[in-house]
Amino acid sequence: MDSLMVNARAIAQGQEPDVALRPGDRLIIPLNPETRLDFRASIQGEIVRPGDYPITRYATRLTDLIREAGGLTPLANLHGATILRLRTGATRPAEGIQAEDLLSRRAALIAQDTAYYSAETALRGLGEFVSVDFVKLLVHGDSSQNIVLHPFDQVEIPALSRTVYVFGQVVHPGHVGLVEGKEISFYVDQTGGFTTEARKGDVKVIKAGTRVWLDPSETHVEDGDFIWVPKDPQYPFSYYMTIYAQVAAIVGTIATVALLVRSF
């Protein structure tokens, strides 16, 4: 039995001579391995036709998916839109993520950093955000934001809420109507102002889409954002006595060393 490799496409286009088949010959057309996987991306929220859509690997871009889904609705909140890249699926088994989580614990970090890193790693296991500015892409036409989608990507377009949620140490926590360009103080005033236990210097803005915590100087308030006012911690009297004792011990040690130095 002889085997002959031929280029069927070239033969069909007349670029190579045809091959005569004989009784008993077997014609084998191999399967492209890339087509074995179900390459899809999901788009949900304020889109005309939400759902899962087939994509071409390394070719389908974000605007292609939005166009295929019928475009955005008038209530789409571009500031809160996100893309979550799942790390599980046909090309990324869950066991691989568990192994990466264990490997990442090798770093020599202090306890506080280790706890923070572990939480971030656990969140990454559920999915990683793709850095895309939907406003730049869809309003200003910035093509650099038109990223290529990966299989299992999840695009979420939330609805406009036209509110900001203020909570923590304010008199009347709750939703406040969004007013473009207003600072943190405006929204705090709308909720009755700070309470007496508010830690005013540590107010945070929690972004609607990514839930990232930012200082007011690092961002401006947008639709659906959260404003968190923390509480000034209250410590028992014994805590302050311990601090005073430690300070006194340090001062006493420094004074003793100074006296010894002067005596020589």
C-alpha atoms as a PDB file:
ATOM      1  CA  MET A   1       0.000   0.000   0.000  1.00  0.00           C
ATOM      2  CA  ASP A   2       1.486   3.324  -1.099  1.00  0.00           C
ATOM      3  CA  SER A   3       0.695   6.788   0.357  1.00  0.00           C
ATOM      4  CA  LEU A   4       0.661   9.946  -1.720  1.00  0.00           C
ATOM      5  CA  MET A   5       0.438  13.450  -0.200  1.00  0.00           C
ATOM      6  CA  VAL A   6      -1.432  15.899  -2.402  1.00  0.00           C
ATOM      7  CA  ASN A   7      -2.510  19.525  -2.136  1.00  0.00           C
ATOM      8  CA  ALA A   8      -6.245  19.306  -2.815  1.00  0.00           C
ATOM      9  CA  ARG A   9      -6.669  23.075  -2.849  1.00  0.00           C
ATOM     10  CA  ALA A  10      -3.934  23.536  -5.442  1.00  0.00           C
ATOM     11  CA  ILE A  11      -5.435  20.763  -7.594  1.00  0.00           C
ATOM     12  CA  ALA A  12      -8.883  22.358  -7.397  1.00  0.00           C
ATOM     13  CA  GLN A  13      -7.407  25.687  -8.520  1.00  0.00           C
ATOM     14  CA  GLY A  14      -5.527  24.050 -11.426  1.00  0.00           C
ATOM     15  CA  GLN A  15      -2.127  24.857  -9.944  1.00  0.00           C
ATOM     16  CA  GLU A  16      -1.086  21.195  -9.644  1.00  0.00           C
ATOM     17  CA  PRO A  17      -1.929  18.165 -11.840  1.00  0.00           C
ATOM     18  CA  ASP A  18      -4.933  16.095 -10.845  1.00  0.00           C
ATOM     19  CA  VAL A  19      -4.524  12.542  -9.538  1.00  0.00           C
ATOM     20  CA  ALA A  20      -6.481   9.608 -10.998  1.00  0.00           C
ATOM     21  CA  LEU A  21      -8.106   7.434  -8.351  1.00  0.00           C
ATOM     22  CA  ARG A  22      -8.291   3.636  -8.596  1.00  0.00           C
ATOM     23  CA  PRO A  23     -10.698   1.143  -7.021  1.00  0.00           C
ATOM     24  CA  GLY A  24      -9.848   0.616  -3.350  1.00  0.00           C
ATOM     25  CA  ASP A  25      -8.072   3.965  -2.896  1.00  0.00           C
ATOM     26  CA  ARG A  26      -8.737   5.808   0.329  1.00  0.00           C
ATOM     27  CA  LEU A  27      -8.960   9.600   0.380  1.00  0.00           C
ATOM     28  CA  ILE A  28      -8.131  10.995   3.841  1.00  0.00           C
ATOM     29  CA  ILE A  29      -8.737  14.656   4.650  1.00  0.00           C
ATOM     30  CA  PRO A  30      -7.308  15.413   8.127  1.00  0.00           C
ATOM     31  CA  LEU A  31      -9.166  17.641  10.571  1.00  0.00           C
ATOM     32  CA  ASN A  32      -7.746  21.018  11.452  1.00  0.00           C
ATOM     33  CA  PRO A  33      -7.096  20.634  15.196  1.00  0.00           C
ATOM     34  CA  GLU A  34      -8.056  24.273  15.867  1.00  0.00           C
ATOM     35  CA  THR A  35     -11.663  23.531  14.891  1.00  0.00           C
ATOM     36  CA  ARG A  36     -12.018  20.901  17.597  1.00  0.00           C
ATOM     37  CA  LEU A  37     -12.496  23.546  20.274  1.00  0.00           C
ATOM     38  CA  ASP A  38     -15.668  25.560  20.607  1.00  0.00           C
ATOM     39  CA  PHE A  39     -14.269  29.083  20.379  1.00  0.00           C
ATOM     40  CA  ARG A  40     -16.936  31.375  21.829  1.00  0.00           C
ATOM     41  CA  ALA A  41     -17.212  34.624  23.745  1.00  0.00           C
ATOM     42  CA  SER A  42     -20.124  35.895  25.801  1.00  0.00           C
ATOM     43  CA  ILE A  43     -21.634  39.373  25.839  1.00  0.00           C
ATOM     44  CA  GLN A  44     -24.323  40.292  28.366  1.00  0.00           C
ATOM     45  CA  GLY A  45     -26.131  43.327  29.705  1.00  0.00           C
ATOM     46  CA  GLU A  46     -27.233  46.352  27.712  1.00  0.00           C
ATOM     47  CA  ILE A  47     -26.766  44.805  24.304  1.00  0.00           C
ATOM     48  CA  VAL A  48     -29.494  44.234  21.693  1.00  0.00           C
ATOM     49  CA  ARG A  49     -28.965  40.447  21.456  1.00  0.00           C
ATOM     50  CA  PRO A  50     -27.112  39.172  24.554  1.00  0.00           C
ATOM     51  CA  GLY A  51     -25.651  35.689  24.418  1.00  0.00           C
ATOM     52  CA  ASP A  52     -22.726  33.512  23.367  1.00  0.00           C
ATOM     53  CA  TYR A  53     -21.195  34.062  19.936  1.00  0.00           C
ATOM     54  CA  PRO A  54     -18.627  32.054  17.948  1.00  0.00           C
ATOM     55  CA  ILE A  55     -15.308  33.803  17.458  1.00  0.00           C
ATOM     56  CA  THR A  56     -12.253  33.183  15.329  1.00  0.00           C
ATOM     57  CA  ARG A  57      -9.207  32.590  17.468  1.00  0.00           C
ATOM     58  CA  TYR A  58      -6.686  35.450  17.369  1.00  0.00           C
ATOM     59  CA  ALA A  59      -8.874  37.370  14.900  1.00  0.00           C
ATOM     60  CA  THR A  60     -12.240  38.455  16.372  1.00  0.00           C
ATOM     61  CA  ARG A  61     -12.071  41.874  18.007  1.00  0.00           C
ATOM     62  CA  LEU A  62     -14.300  43.473  20.616  1.00  0.00           C
ATOM     63  CA  THR A  63     -16.170  45.660  18.136  1.00  0.00           C
ATOM     64  CA  ASP A  64     -16.825  42.587  15.962  1.00  0.00           C
ATOM     65  CA  LEU A  65     -18.605  40.910  18.874  1.00  0.00           C
ATOM     66  CA  ILE A  66     -20.607  44.038  19.727  1.00  0.00           C
ATOM     67  CA  ARG A  67     -21.658  44.405  16.096  1.00  0.00           C
ATOM     68  CA  GLU A  68     -22.649  40.728  15.878  1.00  0.00           C
ATOM     69  CA  ALA A  69     -24.785  41.154  19.013  1.00  0.00           C
ATOM     70  CA  GLY A  70     -26.707  44.042  17.469  1.00  0.00           C
ATOM     71  CA  GLY A  71     -24.945  46.945  19.179  1.00  0.00           C
ATOM     72  CA  LEU A  72     -25.510  48.683  22.502  1.00  0.00           C
ATOM     73  CA  THR A  73     -28.832  49.818  23.945  1.00  0.00           C
ATOM     74  CA  PRO A  74     -29.345  53.491  24.907  1.00  0.00           C
ATOM     75  CA  LEU A  75     -28.954  52.555  28.593  1.00  0.00           C
ATOM     76  CA  ALA A  76     -25.442  51.089  28.230  1.00  0.00           C
ATOM     77  CA  ASN A  77     -23.010  52.291  30.897  1.00  0.00           C
ATOM     78  CA  LEU A  78     -19.640  52.319  29.137  1.00  0.00           C
ATOM     79  CA  HIS A  79     -17.803  53.494  32.262  1.00  0.00           C
ATOM     80  CA  GLY A  80     -18.786  50.299  34.059  1.00  0.00           C
ATOM     81  CA  ALA A  81     -18.295  47.886  31.153  1.00  0.00           C
ATOM     82  CA  THR A  82     -15.800  45.067  31.714  1.00  0.00           C
ATOM     83  CA  ILE A  83     -14.228  42.065  30.024  1.00  0.00           C
ATOM     84  CA  LEU A  84     -13.521  39.057  32.223  1.00  0.00           C
ATOM     85  CA  ARG A  85     -11.069  36.502  30.854  1.00  0.00           C
ATOM     86  CA  LEU A  86     -11.886  33.113  32.335  1.00  0.00           C
ATOM     87  CA  ARG A  87      -8.935  30.948  33.224  1.00  0.00           C
ATOM     88  CA  THR A  88     -10.855  27.670  33.085  1.00  0.00           C
ATOM     89  CA  GLY A  89     -12.218  25.784  30.127  1.00  0.00           C
ATOM     90  CA  ALA A  90     -11.026  23.518  27.391  1.00  0.00           C
ATOM     91  CA  THR A  91      -7.628  25.175  27.179  1.00  0.00           C
ATOM     92  CA  ARG A  92      -7.127  25.922  30.894  1.00  0.00           C
ATOM     93  CA  PRO A  93      -8.154  23.109  33.280  1.00  0.00           C
ATOM     94  CA  ALA A  94      -8.941  23.959  36.894  1.00  0.00           C
ATOM     95  CA  GLU A  95      -6.040  21.772  38.102  1.00  0.00           C
ATOM     96  CA  GLY A  96      -3.613  24.099  36.372  1.00  0.00           C
ATOM     97  CA  ILE A  97      -4.992  27.093  38.274  1.00  0.00           C
ATOM     98  CA  GLN A  98      -4.705  25.258  41.585  1.00  0.00           C
ATOM     99  CA  ALA A  99      -1.081  24.414  40.804  1.00  0.00           C
ATOM    100  CA  GLU A 100      -0.322  28.059  39.974  1.00  0.00           C
ATOM    101  CA  ASP A 101      -1.932  29.161  43.239  1.00  0.00           C
ATOM    102  CA  LEU A 102       0.353  26.813  45.199  1.00  0.00           C
ATOM    103  CA  LEU A 103       3.431  27.885  43.240  1.00  0.00           C
ATOM    104  CA  SER A 104       2.675  31.560  43.888  1.00  0.00           C
ATOM    105  CA  ARG A 105       2.846  30.969  47.641  1.00  0.00           C
ATOM    106  CA  ARG A 106       6.620  30.462  47.438  1.00  0.00           C
ATOM    107  CA  ALA A 107       7.245  34.194  47.658  1.00  0.00           C
ATOM    108  CA  ALA A 108       8.714  35.439  50.947  1.00  0.00           C
ATOM    109  CA  LEU A 109       6.148  38.101  51.856  1.00  0.00           C
ATOM    110  CA  ILE A 110       5.127  39.552  55.192  1.00  0.00           C
ATOM    111  CA  ALA A 111       1.853  38.272  56.666  1.00  0.00           C
ATOM    112  CA  GLN A 112      -0.217  41.253  55.521  1.00  0.00           C
ATOM    113  CA  ASP A 113       1.086  41.091  51.950  1.00  0.00           C
ATOM    114  CA  THR A 114       0.622  37.312  51.861  1.00  0.00           C
ATOM    115  CA  ALA A 115      -3.042  37.623  52.844  1.00  0.00           C
ATOM    116  CA  TYR A 116      -3.617  40.340  50.242  1.00  0.00           C
ATOM    117  CA  TYR A 117      -1.801  38.392  47.529  1.00  0.00           C
ATOM    118  CA  SER A 118      -3.740  35.221  48.332  1.00  0.00           C
ATOM    119  CA  ALA A 119      -7.038  37.091  47.964  1.00  0.00           C
ATOM    120  CA  GLU A 120      -5.949  38.589  44.638  1.00  0.00           C
ATOM    121  CA  THR A 121      -4.772  35.181  43.392  1.00  0.00           C
ATOM    122  CA  ALA A 122      -8.109  33.604  44.351  1.00  0.00           C
ATOM    123  CA  LEU A 123      -9.930  36.303  42.382  1.00  0.00           C
ATOM    124  CA  ARG A 124      -7.650  35.751  39.387  1.00  0.00           C
ATOM    125  CA  GLY A 125      -8.584  32.088  39.488  1.00  0.00           C
ATOM    126  CA  LEU A 126     -12.202  33.077  38.906  1.00  0.00           C
ATOM    127  CA  GLY A 127     -11.235  35.331  36.028  1.00  0.00           C
ATOM    128  CA  GLU A 128      -8.934  38.184  35.085  1.00  0.00           C
ATOM    129  CA  PHE A 129     -10.094  41.599  33.927  1.00  0.00           C
ATOM    130  CA  VAL A 130      -8.926  42.764  30.511  1.00  0.00           C
ATOM    131  CA  SER A 131      -7.800  46.376  30.514  1.00  0.00           C
ATOM    132  CA  VAL A 132     -10.111  48.113  28.018  1.00  0.00           C
ATOM    133  CA  ASP A 133     -11.520  51.640  28.035  1.00  0.00           C
ATOM    134  CA  PHE A 134     -14.929  51.295  26.373  1.00  0.00           C
ATOM    135  CA  VAL A 135     -15.428  55.069  26.284  1.00  0.00           C
ATOM    136  CA  LYS A 136     -12.194  55.624  24.342  1.00  0.00           C
ATOM    137  CA  LEU A 137     -13.058  52.802  21.964  1.00  0.00           C
ATOM    138  CA  LEU A 138     -16.737  53.423  21.249  1.00  0.00           C
ATOM    139  CA  VAL A 139     -17.021  57.178  21.794  1.00  0.00           C
ATOM    140  CA  HIS A 140     -13.615  58.527  20.758  1.00  0.00           C
ATOM    141  CA  GLY A 141     -12.727  55.830  18.212  1.00  0.00           C
ATOM    142  CA  ASP A 142      -9.436  54.803  19.839  1.00  0.00           C
ATOM    143  CA  SER A 143      -8.568  51.607  17.938  1.00  0.00           C
ATOM    144  CA  SER A 144      -5.838  50.708  20.463  1.00  0.00           C
ATOM    145  CA  GLN A 145      -8.664  49.649  22.813  1.00  0.00           C
ATOM    146  CA  ASN A 146     -10.153  47.255  20.248  1.00  0.00           C
ATOM    147  CA  ILE A 147      -8.595  44.137  21.738  1.00  0.00           C
ATOM    148  CA  VAL A 148      -8.610  40.656  20.209  1.00  0.00           C
ATOM    149  CA  LEU A 149     -10.972  38.383  22.123  1.00  0.00           C
ATOM    150  CA  HIS A 150      -9.935  35.052  23.603  1.00  0.00           C
ATOM    151  CA  PRO A 151     -12.101  31.948  23.926  1.00  0.00           C
ATOM    152  CA  PHE A 152     -14.398  32.106  26.992  1.00  0.00           C
ATOM    153  CA  ASP A 153     -14.073  35.921  27.365  1.00  0.00           C
ATOM    154  CA  GLN A 154     -17.106  37.465  29.068  1.00  0.00           C
ATOM    155  CA  VAL A 155     -18.117  41.004  28.096  1.00  0.00           C
ATOM    156  CA  GLU A 156     -20.496  42.721  30.533  1.00  0.00           C
ATOM    157  CA  ILE A 157     -22.228  45.997  29.661  1.00  0.00           C
ATOM    158  CA  PRO A 158     -24.125  47.223  32.750  1.00  0.00           C
ATOM    159  CA  ALA A 159     -27.081  49.573  32.667  1.00  0.00           C
ATOM    160  CA  LEU A 160     -26.868  53.206  33.636  1.00  0.00           C
ATOM    161  CA  SER A 161     -27.954  53.650  37.244  1.00  0.00           C
ATOM    162  CA  ARG A 162     -27.433  57.431  37.306  1.00  0.00           C
ATOM    163  CA  THR A 163     -26.594  57.112  40.999  1.00  0.00           C
ATOM    164  CA  VAL A 164     -23.603  56.816  43.311  1.00  0.00           C
ATOM    165  CA  TYR A 165     -23.831  54.698  46.458  1.00  0.00           C
ATOM    166  CA  VAL A 166     -22.376  56.322  49.595  1.00  0.00           C
ATOM    167  CA  PHE A 167     -21.960  54.139  52.672  1.00  0.00           C
ATOM    168  CA  GLY A 168     -19.953  53.793  55.844  1.00  0.00           C
ATOM    169  CA  GLN A 169     -19.673  56.624  58.348  1.00  0.00           C
ATOM    170  CA  VAL A 170     -22.196  59.071  56.880  1.00  0.00           C
ATOM    171  CA  VAL A 171     -25.444  60.166  58.487  1.00  0.00           C
ATOM    172  CA  HIS A 172     -27.815  58.713  55.877  1.00  0.00           C
ATOM    173  CA  PRO A 173     -26.055  56.057  53.731  1.00  0.00           C
ATOM    174  CA  GLY A 174     -27.643  55.278  50.372  1.00  0.00           C
ATOM    175  CA  HIS A 175     -27.907  56.094  46.675  1.00  0.00           C
ATOM    176  CA  VAL A 176     -27.282  59.680  45.589  1.00  0.00           C
ATOM    177  CA  GLY A 177     -28.125  61.033  42.141  1.00  0.00           C
ATOM    178  CA  LEU A 178     -25.094  61.320  39.867  1.00  0.00           C
ATOM    179  CA  VAL A 179     -24.050  64.871  38.971  1.00  0.00           C
ATOM    180  CA  GLU A 180     -21.195  64.943  36.464  1.00  0.00           C
ATOM    181  CA  GLY A 181     -18.054  66.681  37.689  1.00  0.00           C
ATOM    182  CA  LYS A 182     -18.958  66.770  41.380  1.00  0.00           C
ATOM    183  CA  GLU A 183     -16.356  65.893  43.991  1.00  0.00           C
ATOM    184  CA  ILE A 184     -16.562  63.435  46.900  1.00  0.00           C
ATOM    185  CA  SER A 185     -17.640  66.176  49.303  1.00  0.00           C
ATOM    186  CA  PHE A 186     -20.799  66.798  47.277  1.00  0.00           C
ATOM    187  CA  TYR A 187     -21.999  63.216  47.611  1.00  0.00           C
ATOM    188  CA  VAL A 188     -21.097  63.055  51.299  1.00  0.00           C
ATOM    189  CA  ASP A 189     -23.090  66.252  51.908  1.00  0.00           C
ATOM    190  CA  GLN A 190     -26.082  64.692  50.117  1.00  0.00           C
ATOM    191  CA  THR A 191     -26.085  61.890  52.696  1.00  0.00           C
ATOM    192  CA  GLY A 192     -26.044  64.266  55.673  1.00  0.00           C
ATOM    193  CA  GLY A 193     -22.282  64.596  56.028  1.00  0.00           C
ATOM    194  CA  PHE A 194     -19.717  62.668  58.036  1.00  0.00           C
ATOM    195  CA  THR A 195     -20.503  61.109  61.404  1.00  0.00           C
ATOM    196  CA  THR A 196     -18.327  61.950  64.399  1.00  0.00           C
ATOM    197  CA  GLU A 197     -16.469  58.634  63.990  1.00  0.00           C
ATOM    198  CA  ALA A 198     -15.659  59.047  60.296  1.00  0.00           C
ATOM    199  CA  ARG A 199     -12.019  58.730  59.232  1.00  0.00           C
ATOM    200  CA  LYS A 200     -12.264  61.547  56.715  1.00  0.00           C
ATOM    201  CA  GLY A 201      -8.734  61.232  55.364  1.00  0.00           C
ATOM    202  CA  ASP A 202      -9.204  57.649  54.161  1.00  0.00           C
ATOM    203  CA  VAL A 203     -12.342  57.910  52.014  1.00  0.00           C
ATOM    204  CA  LYS A 204     -12.222  55.527  49.025  1.00  0.00           C
ATOM    205  CA  VAL A 205     -13.949  55.368  45.638  1.00  0.00           C
ATOM    206  CA  ILE A 206     -14.853  51.813  44.605  1.00  0.00           C
ATOM    207  CA  LYS A 207     -15.214  51.596  40.826  1.00  0.00           C
ATOM    208  CA  ALA A 208     -18.469  50.150  39.524  1.00  0.00           C
ATOM    209  CA  GLY A 209     -16.990  47.735  37.013  1.00  0.00           C
ATOM    210  CA  THR A 210     -13.800  46.349  38.545  1.00  0.00           C
ATOM    211  CA  ARG A 211     -14.498  47.049  42.263  1.00  0.00           C
ATOM    212  CA  VAL A 212     -11.001  48.518  42.520  1.00  0.00           C
ATOM    213  CA  TRP A 213     -10.475  50.784  45.561  1.00  0.00           C
ATOM    214  CA  LEU A 214      -8.967  54.159  44.665  1.00  0.00           C
ATOM    215  CA  ASP A 215      -8.162  57.395  46.468  1.00  0.00           C
ATOM    216  CA  PRO A 216     -10.339  60.338  45.371  1.00  0.00           C
ATOM    217  CA  SER A 217      -7.230  61.955  43.856  1.00  0.00           C
ATOM    218  CA  GLU A 218      -6.756  58.950  41.529  1.00  0.00           C
ATOM    219  CA  THR A 219     -10.158  59.032  39.841  1.00  0.00           C
ATOM    220  CA  HIS A 220     -13.395  60.935  39.437  1.00  0.00           C
ATOM    221  CA  VAL A 221     -16.828  59.723  40.432  1.00  0.00           C
ATOM    222  CA  GLU A 222     -18.700  57.921  37.636  1.00  0.00           C
ATOM    223  CA  ASP A 223     -22.049  56.241  37.197  1.00  0.00           C
ATOM    224  CA  GLY A 224     -22.549  53.311  39.577  1.00  0.00           C
ATOM    225  CA  ASP A 225     -19.433  53.982  41.682  1.00  0.00           C
ATOM    226  CA  PHE A 226     -19.359  53.469  45.455  1.00  0.00           C
ATOM    227  CA  ILE A 227     -17.982  55.897  48.048  1.00  0.00           C
ATOM    228  CA  TRP A 228     -16.768  54.261  51.252  1.00  0.00           C
ATOM    229  CA  VAL A 229     -16.210  56.279  54.440  1.00  0.00           C
ATOM    230  CA  PRO A 230     -14.320  54.166  57.010  1.00  0.00           C
ATOM    231  CA  LYS A 231     -14.682  54.347  60.769  1.00  0.00           C
ATOM    232  CA  ASP A 232     -12.012  55.822  63.004  1.00  0.00           C
ATOM    233  CA  PRO A 233     -10.847  52.826  65.079  1.00  0.00           C
ATOM    234  CA  GLN A 234     -11.484  52.963  68.821  1.00  0.00           C
ATOM    235  CA  TYR A 235      -8.889  51.250  71.051  1.00  0.00           C
ATOM    236  CA  PRO A 236      -9.228  50.329  74.742  1.00  0.00           C
ATOM    237  CA  PHE A 237      -7.274  52.235  77.383  1.00  0.00           C
ATOM    238  CA  SER A 238      -4.881  49.282  77.789  1.00  0.00           C
ATOM    239  CA  TYR A 239      -3.822  49.686  74.161  1.00  0.00           C
ATOM    240  CA  TYR A 240      -2.684  53.268  74.719  1.00  0.00           C
ATOM    241  CA  MET A 241      -0.947  52.313  77.973  1.00  0.00           C
ATOM    242  CA  THR A 242       1.031  49.667  76.089  1.00  0.00           C
ATOM    243  CA  ILE A 243       2.058  52.210  73.454  1.00  0.00           C
ATOM    244  CA  TYR A 244       3.102  54.734  76.115  1.00  0.00           C
ATOM    245  CA  ALA A 245       5.110  52.060  77.937  1.00  0.00           C
ATOM    246  CA  GLN A 246       6.935  51.087  74.751  1.00  0.00           C
ATOM    247  CA  VAL A 247       7.724  54.717  73.928  1.00  0.00           C
ATOM    248  CA  ALA A 248       8.955  55.317  77.484  1.00  0.00           C
ATOM    249  CA  ALA A 249      11.202  52.258  77.287  1.00  0.00           C
ATOM    250  CA  ILE A 250      12.722  53.450  74.020  1.00  0.00           C
ATOM    251  CA  VAL A 251      13.287  56.966  75.371  1.00  0.00           C
ATOM    252  CA  GLY A 252      14.850  55.513  78.525  1.00  0.00           C
ATOM    253  CA  THR A 253      17.216  53.352  76.493  1.00  0.00           C
ATOM    254  CA  ILE A 254      18.294  56.294  74.339  1.00  0.00           C
ATOM    255  CA  ALA A 255      18.871  58.430  77.447  1.00  0.00           C
ATOM    256  CA  THR A 256      20.963  55.689  79.064  1.00  0.00           C
ATOM    257  CA  VAL A 257      23.129  55.311  75.958  1.00  0.00           C
ATOM    258  CA  ALA A 258      23.574  59.090  75.769  1.00  0.00           C
ATOM    259  CA  LEU A 259      24.745  59.214  79.404  1.00  0.00           C
ATOM    260  CA  LEU A 260      27.190  56.387  78.829  1.00  0.00           C
ATOM    261  CA  VAL A 261      28.623  58.124  75.778  1.00  0.00           C
ATOM    262  CA  ARG A 262      29.095  61.395  77.695  1.00  0.00           C
ATOM    263  CA  SER A 263      30.798  59.593  80.594  1.00  0.00           C
ATOM    264  CA  PHE A 264      33.659  58.384  78.352  1.00  0.00           C
END
